[in-house]
Protein backbone atom coordinates (compact mmCIF):
# COMPACT_ATOMS: atom_id res chain seq x y z
CA MET A 1 -26.20 6.47 -5.28
CA LEU A 2 -22.82 5.01 -5.23
CA GLU A 3 -22.02 3.37 -1.68
CA VAL A 4 -19.46 1.21 -0.20
CA TRP A 5 -20.93 -1.93 1.85
CA HIS A 6 -18.57 -4.48 4.15
CA GLY A 7 -19.92 -8.02 4.21
CA ASP A 8 -21.46 -11.07 2.07
CA ILE A 9 -22.01 -9.98 -1.52
CA THR A 10 -24.40 -13.23 -1.16
CA LYS A 11 -27.33 -12.03 0.75
CA LEU A 12 -27.93 -8.05 -0.94
CA ALA A 13 -31.45 -8.09 -2.63
CA VAL A 14 -30.21 -6.27 -5.83
CA ASP A 15 -30.85 -6.31 -9.04
CA ALA A 16 -27.56 -8.26 -10.14
CA ILE A 17 -24.29 -8.97 -8.22
CA VAL A 18 -21.04 -9.30 -9.71
CA ASN A 19 -18.93 -12.11 -9.63
CA ALA A 20 -15.65 -12.09 -9.81
CA ALA A 21 -15.38 -15.18 -11.64
CA ASN A 22 -12.42 -17.63 -13.19
CA SER A 23 -12.51 -18.28 -16.57
CA SER A 24 -14.63 -21.57 -16.81
CA LEU A 25 -17.01 -19.80 -15.00
CA LEU A 26 -17.66 -23.19 -12.81
CA GLY A 27 -17.47 -21.70 -10.13
CA GLY A 28 -13.52 -20.98 -7.65
CA SER A 29 -12.43 -19.75 -4.17
CA GLY A 30 -12.91 -16.37 -2.88
CA VAL A 31 -16.45 -14.28 -3.81
CA ASP A 32 -16.54 -17.02 -6.74
CA GLY A 33 -16.63 -20.24 -4.61
CA ALA A 34 -18.92 -17.97 -2.19
CA ILE A 35 -21.73 -16.99 -5.21
CA HIS A 36 -21.45 -20.40 -6.34
CA ARG A 37 -22.37 -22.24 -3.13
CA ALA A 38 -25.06 -19.60 -2.26
CA ALA A 39 -26.71 -19.74 -5.69
CA GLY A 40 -26.73 -23.75 -5.46
CA LYS A 41 -26.42 -26.44 -8.17
CA GLU A 42 -28.72 -24.86 -11.08
CA LEU A 43 -25.37 -21.78 -11.33
CA VAL A 44 -22.97 -24.63 -12.71
CA HIS A 45 -25.47 -26.04 -15.16
CA GLU A 46 -26.08 -22.43 -16.92
CA CYS A 47 -22.65 -21.88 -16.51
CA ARG A 48 -21.64 -24.56 -18.16
CA LEU A 49 -24.02 -24.19 -21.11
CA LEU A 50 -21.96 -20.27 -21.17
CA GLY A 51 -18.76 -21.51 -22.94
CA GLY A 52 -16.48 -19.59 -20.13
CA CYS A 53 -15.40 -16.17 -20.54
CA LYS A 54 -12.49 -14.20 -21.55
CA THR A 55 -10.81 -11.77 -19.26
CA GLY A 56 -12.29 -8.35 -18.69
CA GLN A 57 -15.49 -10.00 -20.33
CA ALA A 58 -19.01 -10.52 -18.36
CA LYS A 59 -21.62 -12.90 -19.11
CA ILE A 60 -25.40 -13.17 -17.20
CA THR A 61 -26.95 -15.76 -15.70
CA LYS A 62 -30.03 -16.38 -12.95
CA GLY A 63 -29.53 -15.13 -9.57
CA TYR A 64 -31.04 -18.83 -8.71
CA ASN A 65 -31.18 -19.52 -4.65
CA LEU A 66 -29.61 -15.86 -4.27
CA PRO A 67 -31.72 -12.73 -3.40
CA ALA A 68 -30.11 -11.04 -6.57
CA LYS A 69 -32.47 -12.04 -9.22
CA TRP A 70 -29.05 -12.12 -11.55
CA ILE A 71 -25.35 -12.89 -11.59
CA ILE A 72 -23.01 -11.18 -13.93
CA HIS A 73 -19.77 -13.14 -14.15
CA THR A 74 -16.60 -11.39 -15.19
CA VAL A 75 -13.26 -12.42 -15.67
CA GLY A 76 -10.93 -9.59 -13.69
CA PRO A 77 -6.83 -9.96 -15.04
CA VAL A 78 -4.00 -11.38 -13.06
CA TRP A 79 -1.46 -8.82 -11.84
CA ASN A 80 1.54 -9.22 -13.17
CA GLY A 81 3.37 -6.03 -12.29
CA GLY A 82 0.89 -3.88 -14.59
CA THR A 83 2.79 -4.95 -17.74
CA ASN A 84 0.31 -6.80 -19.51
CA ASN A 85 -2.89 -4.53 -19.41
CA GLU A 86 -3.93 -5.72 -16.27
CA MET A 87 -5.51 -1.57 -15.60
CA VAL A 88 -6.86 -1.76 -19.12
CA LEU A 89 -8.61 -5.35 -18.43
CA LEU A 90 -10.01 -4.85 -15.20
CA GLU A 91 -11.73 -1.22 -16.19
CA SER A 92 -13.55 -3.85 -19.41
CA CYS A 93 -14.54 -6.29 -16.38
CA TYR A 94 -16.36 -3.12 -14.71
CA ARG A 95 -17.66 -1.58 -17.92
CA ASN A 96 -18.65 -4.66 -19.40
CA SER A 97 -20.74 -5.66 -16.49
CA LEU A 98 -22.13 -2.21 -16.31
CA GLU A 99 -23.24 -2.50 -20.24
CA ILE A 100 -25.19 -5.64 -19.61
CA ALA A 101 -27.06 -4.26 -16.48
CA VAL A 102 -28.08 -1.95 -18.78
CA GLN A 103 -29.23 -3.96 -21.70
CA LYS A 104 -30.87 -5.68 -18.69
CA GLN A 105 -32.53 -2.14 -17.58
CA LEU A 106 -31.32 -3.46 -13.88
CA THR A 107 -31.60 -0.73 -11.34
CA SER A 108 -29.24 -1.80 -8.63
CA ILE A 109 -25.66 -3.61 -8.88
CA ALA A 110 -22.81 -4.86 -6.61
CA PHE A 111 -19.79 -5.54 -7.53
CA PRO A 112 -17.15 -7.00 -5.33
CA ALA A 113 -13.38 -5.61 -5.55
CA ILE A 114 -12.55 -7.58 -8.31
CA SER A 115 -8.99 -9.11 -8.96
CA THR A 116 -7.75 -8.25 -5.50
CA GLY A 117 -7.34 -11.46 -4.07
CA ILE A 118 -5.99 -14.53 -5.09
CA TYR A 119 -5.37 -12.77 -8.26
CA ARG A 120 -3.24 -10.13 -6.25
CA PHE A 121 -4.34 -6.68 -8.13
CA PRO A 122 -3.06 -3.57 -5.86
CA PRO A 123 -6.41 -2.68 -3.60
CA GLU A 124 -6.11 1.08 -4.36
CA LEU A 125 -5.14 0.94 -7.80
CA ALA A 126 -8.10 -1.53 -8.15
CA ALA A 127 -10.45 0.66 -6.73
CA GLU A 128 -9.53 3.43 -8.44
CA ILE A 129 -10.34 1.86 -11.51
CA ALA A 130 -13.55 0.39 -10.19
CA VAL A 131 -14.66 4.22 -9.02
CA GLN A 132 -13.67 5.78 -11.77
CA THR A 133 -15.27 3.66 -14.31
CA VAL A 134 -18.37 2.81 -12.54
CA LEU A 135 -18.66 6.96 -12.36
CA GLU A 136 -18.09 7.26 -15.67
CA PHE A 137 -21.30 5.24 -16.58
CA SER A 138 -23.82 5.14 -13.52
CA VAL A 139 -26.28 7.07 -15.49
CA ASN A 140 -28.76 4.80 -16.02
CA LEU A 141 -28.67 2.58 -12.44
CA GLU A 142 -30.11 3.88 -9.08
CA ARG A 143 -27.79 2.06 -6.79
CA ILE A 144 -24.15 0.74 -7.04
CA ILE A 145 -22.50 -1.28 -4.23
CA PHE A 146 -18.90 -1.92 -3.96
CA VAL A 147 -18.98 -4.85 -1.25
CA THR A 148 -15.84 -5.50 0.57
CA PHE A 149 -15.32 -8.70 2.51
CA ASP A 150 -12.56 -7.15 4.79
CA LYS A 151 -12.22 -3.53 7.12
CA THR A 152 -9.31 -2.82 4.86
CA THR A 153 -10.38 -3.13 1.62
CA GLU A 154 -13.64 -1.23 2.88
CA ASP A 155 -11.27 1.44 4.07
CA ILE A 156 -9.61 1.71 0.84
CA TYR A 157 -12.91 1.89 -1.49
CA GLY A 158 -14.47 4.51 0.66
CA LYS A 159 -11.52 6.67 0.70
CA LYS A 160 -11.31 6.19 -3.07
CA LEU A 161 -15.08 6.93 -3.63
CA GLU A 162 -14.60 9.61 -1.27
CA GLN A 163 -12.10 11.16 -3.02
CA VAL A 164 -13.67 11.10 -6.15
CA LEU A 165 -16.89 11.98 -5.05
CA VAL A 166 -15.28 15.58 -3.68
CA GLY A 167 -13.03 16.21 -6.40
CA LYS A 168 -9.98 15.29 -5.01
CA HIS A 169 -8.33 12.91 -7.00
């Protein structure tokens, strides 16, 4: 089941939430900072052991104080006008996160709107990439949630999901 949910990703009781992390994995602003604050100090310690993460890649840690059992950290691309492989890298964020979920035999995962905050990825394009990538991959997952923090992003993701599900690309 695919869905869009407006709210705080750190409150979801799913197998894994995805963190739109920076390459250090040591916390930052936006969803990254919120996840680190909610998970607690142990998360930073485990992230230090991972040695960072490259753009488009993903790594997993425990969820610690979160309702989610796991956190999949992925580093989204910074938008530079679409000329630096940003779309391919964003697709890789979703695909690599989903591959980890399948390897861990998880059944539910929640994604934020990766790269649409301070990394300035256009939300409409990001939603299209997110929904298409997830739909191509969702065979082993029972529940995939796109979590949005504001109403505008919720509307964009909801509309894109509806368009794709009814075949109106």
